[in-house]
N, C-alpha and C. Protein backbone atom coordinates (compact mmCIF):
# COMPACT_ATOMS: atom_id res chain seq x y z
N MET A 1 0.82 -1.20 0.00
CA MET A 1 0.00 0.00 0.00
C MET A 1 0.86 1.27 0.00
N GLU A 2 1.92 1.27 0.82
CA GLU A 2 2.79 2.44 0.87
C GLU A 2 3.48 2.71 -0.46
N ALA A 3 3.88 1.64 -1.13
CA ALA A 3 4.52 1.80 -2.45
C ALA A 3 3.55 2.41 -3.44
N GLN A 4 2.29 1.99 -3.35
CA GLN A 4 1.26 2.54 -4.23
C GLN A 4 1.06 4.03 -3.96
N ILE A 5 1.04 4.41 -2.70
CA ILE A 5 0.87 5.82 -2.33
C ILE A 5 2.04 6.65 -2.82
N LYS A 6 3.25 6.11 -2.70
CA LYS A 6 4.44 6.83 -3.15
C LYS A 6 4.39 7.11 -4.65
N ASN A 7 3.72 6.25 -5.41
CA ASN A 7 3.63 6.42 -6.85
C ASN A 7 2.47 7.31 -7.28
N ASP A 8 1.66 7.76 -6.36
CA ASP A 8 0.53 8.64 -6.70
C ASP A 8 1.04 9.94 -7.32
N GLU A 9 0.35 10.40 -8.34
CA GLU A 9 0.70 11.67 -8.97
C GLU A 9 0.40 12.80 -7.99
N ARG A 10 1.35 13.69 -7.80
CA ARG A 10 1.18 14.78 -6.83
C ARG A 10 1.52 16.16 -7.41
N LYS A 11 1.96 16.19 -8.66
CA LYS A 11 2.40 17.47 -9.22
C LYS A 11 1.55 17.97 -10.38
N ASP A 12 1.08 17.08 -11.23
CA ASP A 12 0.38 17.49 -12.44
C ASP A 12 -0.96 16.76 -12.55
N TRP A 13 -2.04 17.44 -12.21
CA TRP A 13 -3.37 16.81 -12.23
C TRP A 13 -3.76 16.37 -13.64
N LYS A 14 -3.18 16.99 -14.66
CA LYS A 14 -3.53 16.63 -16.04
C LYS A 14 -3.16 15.18 -16.37
N LYS A 15 -2.17 14.66 -15.68
CA LYS A 15 -1.77 13.27 -15.90
C LYS A 15 -2.83 12.30 -15.38
N LEU A 16 -3.74 12.77 -14.57
CA LEU A 16 -4.77 11.92 -13.98
C LEU A 16 -5.98 11.71 -14.89
N ILE A 17 -6.18 12.59 -15.85
CA ILE A 17 -7.40 12.57 -16.66
C ILE A 17 -7.62 11.23 -17.35
N ASP A 18 -6.58 10.65 -17.89
CA ASP A 18 -6.71 9.37 -18.59
C ASP A 18 -6.42 8.16 -17.71
N ASP A 19 -6.26 8.38 -16.43
CA ASP A 19 -5.98 7.28 -15.51
C ASP A 19 -7.27 6.50 -15.24
N PRO A 20 -7.35 5.23 -15.61
CA PRO A 20 -8.58 4.47 -15.40
C PRO A 20 -8.96 4.35 -13.93
N GLU A 21 -8.00 4.50 -13.04
CA GLU A 21 -8.31 4.43 -11.60
C GLU A 21 -9.17 5.61 -11.16
N LEU A 22 -9.04 6.73 -11.85
CA LEU A 22 -9.81 7.92 -11.49
C LEU A 22 -11.30 7.68 -11.63
N GLU A 23 -11.67 6.90 -12.61
CA GLU A 23 -13.08 6.62 -12.85
C GLU A 23 -13.69 5.67 -11.85
N LYS A 24 -12.89 4.96 -11.13
CA LYS A 24 -13.40 3.89 -10.27
C LYS A 24 -14.04 4.38 -8.97
N ILE A 25 -13.81 5.60 -8.61
CA ILE A 25 -14.47 6.12 -7.41
C ILE A 25 -15.94 6.23 -7.72
N HIS A 26 -16.76 5.69 -6.87
CA HIS A 26 -18.20 5.71 -7.14
C HIS A 26 -18.97 5.89 -5.84
N GLY A 27 -20.22 6.16 -6.01
CA GLY A 27 -21.09 6.39 -4.87
C GLY A 27 -20.99 7.82 -4.40
N ILE A 28 -21.97 8.24 -3.66
CA ILE A 28 -22.02 9.64 -3.26
C ILE A 28 -20.94 10.01 -2.26
N GLY A 29 -20.33 9.06 -1.59
CA GLY A 29 -19.30 9.38 -0.61
C GLY A 29 -17.89 9.25 -1.11
N GLY A 30 -17.71 8.86 -2.36
CA GLY A 30 -16.38 8.58 -2.88
C GLY A 30 -15.36 9.69 -2.72
N LEU A 31 -15.74 10.90 -3.02
CA LEU A 31 -14.80 12.02 -2.92
C LEU A 31 -14.70 12.59 -1.51
N SER A 32 -15.51 12.10 -0.60
CA SER A 32 -15.50 12.64 0.77
C SER A 32 -14.24 12.25 1.53
N PHE A 33 -13.46 11.32 0.99
CA PHE A 33 -12.26 10.87 1.68
C PHE A 33 -11.05 11.77 1.42
N TYR A 34 -11.16 12.68 0.49
CA TYR A 34 -10.07 13.63 0.24
C TYR A 34 -10.08 14.73 1.29
N ASP A 35 -8.90 15.11 1.75
CA ASP A 35 -8.83 16.33 2.56
C ASP A 35 -8.89 17.52 1.60
N ALA A 36 -8.86 18.72 2.12
CA ALA A 36 -9.01 19.92 1.28
C ALA A 36 -7.95 19.99 0.19
N LYS A 37 -6.69 19.74 0.53
CA LYS A 37 -5.62 19.83 -0.46
C LYS A 37 -5.74 18.73 -1.51
N GLY A 38 -6.08 17.53 -1.09
CA GLY A 38 -6.25 16.43 -2.04
C GLY A 38 -7.40 16.68 -2.99
N LEU A 39 -8.50 17.21 -2.45
CA LEU A 39 -9.65 17.50 -3.29
C LEU A 39 -9.32 18.62 -4.28
N ARG A 40 -8.64 19.65 -3.80
CA ARG A 40 -8.26 20.76 -4.70
C ARG A 40 -7.37 20.26 -5.84
N PHE A 41 -6.43 19.37 -5.54
CA PHE A 41 -5.53 18.84 -6.57
C PHE A 41 -6.29 17.99 -7.58
N HIS A 42 -7.17 17.12 -7.11
CA HIS A 42 -7.87 16.17 -7.99
C HIS A 42 -9.10 16.77 -8.69
N LEU A 43 -9.64 17.83 -8.16
CA LEU A 43 -10.89 18.39 -8.68
C LEU A 43 -10.85 18.70 -10.17
N PRO A 44 -9.83 19.36 -10.71
CA PRO A 44 -9.85 19.64 -12.15
C PRO A 44 -9.89 18.36 -13.00
N ALA A 45 -9.20 17.32 -12.57
CA ALA A 45 -9.23 16.06 -13.31
C ALA A 45 -10.63 15.46 -13.27
N TYR A 46 -11.28 15.51 -12.12
CA TYR A 46 -12.64 14.98 -12.02
C TYR A 46 -13.64 15.81 -12.84
N LEU A 47 -13.45 17.11 -12.87
CA LEU A 47 -14.32 17.96 -13.69
C LEU A 47 -14.18 17.60 -15.17
N CYS A 48 -12.94 17.48 -15.62
CA CYS A 48 -12.69 17.12 -17.04
C CYS A 48 -13.25 15.74 -17.36
N LEU A 49 -12.99 14.79 -16.49
CA LEU A 49 -13.48 13.43 -16.72
C LEU A 49 -15.00 13.40 -16.82
N THR A 50 -15.66 14.13 -15.95
CA THR A 50 -17.12 14.13 -15.94
C THR A 50 -17.71 14.82 -17.16
N ILE A 51 -17.03 15.83 -17.67
CA ILE A 51 -17.50 16.47 -18.91
C ILE A 51 -17.41 15.47 -20.06
N HIS A 52 -16.31 14.74 -20.12
CA HIS A 52 -16.11 13.79 -21.22
C HIS A 52 -16.89 12.49 -21.03
N LYS A 53 -17.14 12.12 -19.80
CA LYS A 53 -17.85 10.86 -19.51
C LYS A 53 -18.88 11.10 -18.40
N PRO A 54 -19.98 11.77 -18.72
CA PRO A 54 -20.95 12.11 -17.68
C PRO A 54 -21.62 10.90 -17.03
N TYR A 55 -21.45 9.74 -17.61
CA TYR A 55 -22.03 8.53 -17.03
C TYR A 55 -21.00 7.69 -16.28
N ALA A 56 -19.77 8.17 -16.18
CA ALA A 56 -18.75 7.45 -15.41
C ALA A 56 -19.18 7.38 -13.95
N ASP A 57 -18.76 6.33 -13.26
CA ASP A 57 -19.15 6.14 -11.87
C ASP A 57 -18.82 7.35 -11.00
N VAL A 58 -17.70 7.98 -11.26
CA VAL A 58 -17.26 9.09 -10.43
C VAL A 58 -18.16 10.32 -10.56
N ALA A 59 -18.90 10.45 -11.64
CA ALA A 59 -19.72 11.64 -11.86
C ALA A 59 -20.73 11.84 -10.74
N GLU A 60 -21.34 10.77 -10.29
CA GLU A 60 -22.31 10.89 -9.20
C GLU A 60 -21.66 11.42 -7.92
N SER A 61 -20.49 10.90 -7.61
CA SER A 61 -19.78 11.35 -6.42
C SER A 61 -19.37 12.81 -6.53
N LEU A 62 -18.90 13.20 -7.71
CA LEU A 62 -18.50 14.59 -7.93
C LEU A 62 -19.70 15.52 -7.79
N MET A 63 -20.80 15.18 -8.42
CA MET A 63 -21.97 16.04 -8.36
C MET A 63 -22.50 16.14 -6.92
N PHE A 64 -22.48 15.05 -6.20
CA PHE A 64 -22.91 15.08 -4.80
C PHE A 64 -22.01 16.02 -4.00
N THR A 65 -20.71 15.89 -4.19
CA THR A 65 -19.75 16.71 -3.45
C THR A 65 -19.93 18.20 -3.75
N LEU A 66 -20.17 18.53 -5.01
CA LEU A 66 -20.29 19.94 -5.41
C LEU A 66 -21.65 20.55 -5.08
N THR A 67 -22.64 19.72 -4.80
CA THR A 67 -23.99 20.26 -4.58
C THR A 67 -24.51 20.07 -3.16
N HIS A 68 -23.90 19.23 -2.38
CA HIS A 68 -24.32 19.05 -0.99
C HIS A 68 -23.29 19.77 -0.12
N LEU A 69 -23.60 20.99 0.18
CA LEU A 69 -22.60 21.91 0.72
C LEU A 69 -22.75 22.12 2.21
N GLU A 70 -22.79 21.01 2.94
CA GLU A 70 -22.79 21.11 4.39
C GLU A 70 -21.42 21.62 4.83
N ALA A 71 -21.25 21.84 6.11
CA ALA A 71 -20.03 22.46 6.63
C ALA A 71 -18.76 21.72 6.21
N TYR A 72 -18.80 20.38 6.18
CA TYR A 72 -17.62 19.61 5.81
C TYR A 72 -17.14 19.97 4.42
N ASN A 73 -18.03 20.01 3.45
CA ASN A 73 -17.62 20.36 2.09
C ASN A 73 -17.23 21.82 1.99
N GLN A 74 -17.95 22.70 2.65
CA GLN A 74 -17.59 24.12 2.60
C GLN A 74 -16.19 24.35 3.17
N GLU A 75 -15.83 23.62 4.22
CA GLU A 75 -14.48 23.74 4.78
C GLU A 75 -13.43 23.31 3.77
N ARG A 76 -13.71 22.23 3.05
CA ARG A 76 -12.74 21.75 2.05
C ARG A 76 -12.64 22.71 0.88
N PHE A 77 -13.74 23.33 0.49
CA PHE A 77 -13.74 24.26 -0.65
C PHE A 77 -13.19 25.64 -0.28
N ALA A 78 -13.02 25.91 0.99
CA ALA A 78 -12.55 27.23 1.42
C ALA A 78 -11.16 27.56 0.87
N ILE A 79 -10.36 26.55 0.54
CA ILE A 79 -9.00 26.83 0.05
C ILE A 79 -8.97 27.10 -1.46
N LEU A 80 -10.09 26.95 -2.13
CA LEU A 80 -10.11 27.21 -3.58
C LEU A 80 -9.93 28.70 -3.85
N THR A 81 -9.18 29.00 -4.89
CA THR A 81 -9.01 30.39 -5.31
C THR A 81 -10.29 30.86 -6.01
N VAL A 82 -10.38 32.14 -6.26
CA VAL A 82 -11.52 32.69 -6.99
C VAL A 82 -11.62 32.03 -8.37
N GLU A 83 -10.48 31.85 -9.04
CA GLU A 83 -10.49 31.23 -10.36
C GLU A 83 -10.97 29.78 -10.30
N GLN A 84 -10.56 29.06 -9.28
CA GLN A 84 -11.01 27.68 -9.13
C GLN A 84 -12.51 27.61 -8.85
N ARG A 85 -13.00 28.53 -8.03
CA ARG A 85 -14.44 28.57 -7.73
C ARG A 85 -15.23 28.92 -8.99
N LYS A 86 -14.68 29.81 -9.82
CA LYS A 86 -15.33 30.13 -11.09
C LYS A 86 -15.40 28.90 -11.98
N ALA A 87 -14.33 28.12 -12.00
CA ALA A 87 -14.31 26.90 -12.82
C ALA A 87 -15.39 25.93 -12.37
N VAL A 88 -15.60 25.80 -11.07
CA VAL A 88 -16.65 24.92 -10.56
C VAL A 88 -18.02 25.45 -10.96
N LYS A 89 -18.20 26.75 -10.85
CA LYS A 89 -19.49 27.35 -11.24
C LYS A 89 -19.76 27.12 -12.73
N VAL A 90 -18.76 27.30 -13.58
CA VAL A 90 -18.92 27.07 -15.01
C VAL A 90 -19.22 25.59 -15.27
N PHE A 91 -18.52 24.71 -14.58
CA PHE A 91 -18.78 23.28 -14.74
C PHE A 91 -20.22 22.93 -14.36
N LEU A 92 -20.67 23.41 -13.21
CA LEU A 92 -22.04 23.10 -12.78
C LEU A 92 -23.07 23.67 -13.75
N THR A 93 -22.82 24.85 -14.26
CA THR A 93 -23.73 25.45 -15.24
C THR A 93 -23.76 24.59 -16.50
N TYR A 94 -22.59 24.16 -16.94
CA TYR A 94 -22.51 23.27 -18.10
C TYR A 94 -23.27 21.97 -17.82
N ALA A 95 -23.02 21.37 -16.67
CA ALA A 95 -23.68 20.11 -16.32
C ALA A 95 -25.19 20.27 -16.28
N ARG A 96 -25.65 21.40 -15.83
CA ARG A 96 -27.09 21.63 -15.73
C ARG A 96 -27.73 21.79 -17.10
N TYR A 97 -27.07 22.49 -18.00
CA TYR A 97 -27.72 22.88 -19.25
C TYR A 97 -27.22 22.17 -20.51
N ASN A 98 -26.14 21.40 -20.44
CA ASN A 98 -25.57 20.83 -21.66
C ASN A 98 -25.30 19.35 -21.65
N THR A 99 -25.69 18.63 -20.66
CA THR A 99 -25.35 17.21 -20.64
C THR A 99 -26.57 16.32 -20.86
N GLY A 100 -27.62 16.86 -21.39
CA GLY A 100 -28.79 16.02 -21.62
C GLY A 100 -29.39 15.56 -20.31
N PHE A 101 -29.64 14.29 -20.22
CA PHE A 101 -30.29 13.81 -19.01
C PHE A 101 -29.33 13.17 -18.02
N ALA A 102 -28.04 13.27 -18.22
CA ALA A 102 -27.08 12.63 -17.33
C ALA A 102 -27.27 13.05 -15.87
N PHE A 103 -27.58 14.30 -15.64
CA PHE A 103 -27.74 14.79 -14.28
C PHE A 103 -29.15 15.30 -14.02
N GLU A 104 -30.09 14.86 -14.81
CA GLU A 104 -31.46 15.35 -14.71
C GLU A 104 -32.02 15.23 -13.31
N TYR A 105 -31.75 14.12 -12.64
CA TYR A 105 -32.27 13.93 -11.29
C TYR A 105 -31.71 14.96 -10.32
N ASN A 106 -30.64 15.61 -10.69
CA ASN A 106 -29.93 16.52 -9.82
C ASN A 106 -30.11 17.99 -10.17
N PHE A 107 -30.96 18.30 -11.15
CA PHE A 107 -31.07 19.68 -11.62
C PHE A 107 -31.37 20.66 -10.48
N ALA A 108 -32.29 20.34 -9.61
CA ALA A 108 -32.65 21.25 -8.52
C ALA A 108 -31.46 21.48 -7.59
N ALA A 109 -30.73 20.42 -7.29
CA ALA A 109 -29.56 20.54 -6.41
C ALA A 109 -28.46 21.36 -7.09
N ILE A 110 -28.28 21.16 -8.39
CA ILE A 110 -27.27 21.93 -9.12
C ILE A 110 -27.63 23.41 -9.11
N GLU A 111 -28.88 23.71 -9.42
CA GLU A 111 -29.32 25.11 -9.43
C GLU A 111 -29.18 25.75 -8.06
N ALA A 112 -29.54 25.04 -7.01
CA ALA A 112 -29.42 25.58 -5.65
C ALA A 112 -27.96 25.82 -5.29
N ALA A 113 -27.07 24.90 -5.65
CA ALA A 113 -25.65 25.07 -5.35
C ALA A 113 -25.07 26.29 -6.06
N ILE A 114 -25.44 26.45 -7.33
CA ILE A 114 -24.96 27.62 -8.08
C ILE A 114 -25.48 28.90 -7.43
N ARG A 115 -26.75 28.92 -7.13
CA ARG A 115 -27.39 30.12 -6.56
C ARG A 115 -26.87 30.43 -5.15
N ASP A 116 -26.80 29.41 -4.30
CA ASP A 116 -26.53 29.64 -2.88
C ASP A 116 -25.08 29.58 -2.47
N TYR A 117 -24.24 28.95 -3.27
CA TYR A 117 -22.84 28.83 -2.86
C TYR A 117 -21.85 29.26 -3.94
N TRP A 118 -21.89 28.60 -5.07
CA TRP A 118 -20.93 28.88 -6.13
C TRP A 118 -21.23 30.17 -6.87
N GLY A 119 -22.43 30.68 -6.77
CA GLY A 119 -22.83 31.86 -7.51
C GLY A 119 -22.22 33.15 -7.03
N GLY A 120 -21.49 33.10 -5.94
CA GLY A 120 -20.86 34.30 -5.39
C GLY A 120 -19.67 34.80 -6.17
N VAL A 121 -19.31 34.10 -7.24
CA VAL A 121 -18.19 34.53 -8.06
C VAL A 121 -18.68 34.84 -9.46
N SER A 122 -18.18 35.90 -10.03
CA SER A 122 -18.59 36.29 -11.39
C SER A 122 -17.71 35.57 -12.41
N VAL A 123 -18.36 35.19 -13.51
CA VAL A 123 -17.59 34.55 -14.58
C VAL A 123 -17.56 35.45 -15.79
């Protein structure tokens, strides 16, 4: 296990986009195991993966994490820069209006998250 951790990518999130292991996280709690720094590092890769594969297992976990903004998630998102928060807002807007029915069950949660949390940044 330690050898596997030592080999984890820690510098360039772009190298993670095509990593098949990235897709394997599933369920609504999958991304909850990242601390704030880990989530910030992996978030762009998960956003890109979900745009390209909205039906990948990880998409549900990502959408849950970005739209269920209890104190735990807000604490983890507090380290995001304004630019990173804008990217999340753009992603959620895209997911709401351009992915067909992939996130249809989540439209109300997406809209609420944009309005109540992510909407505080201008794009």
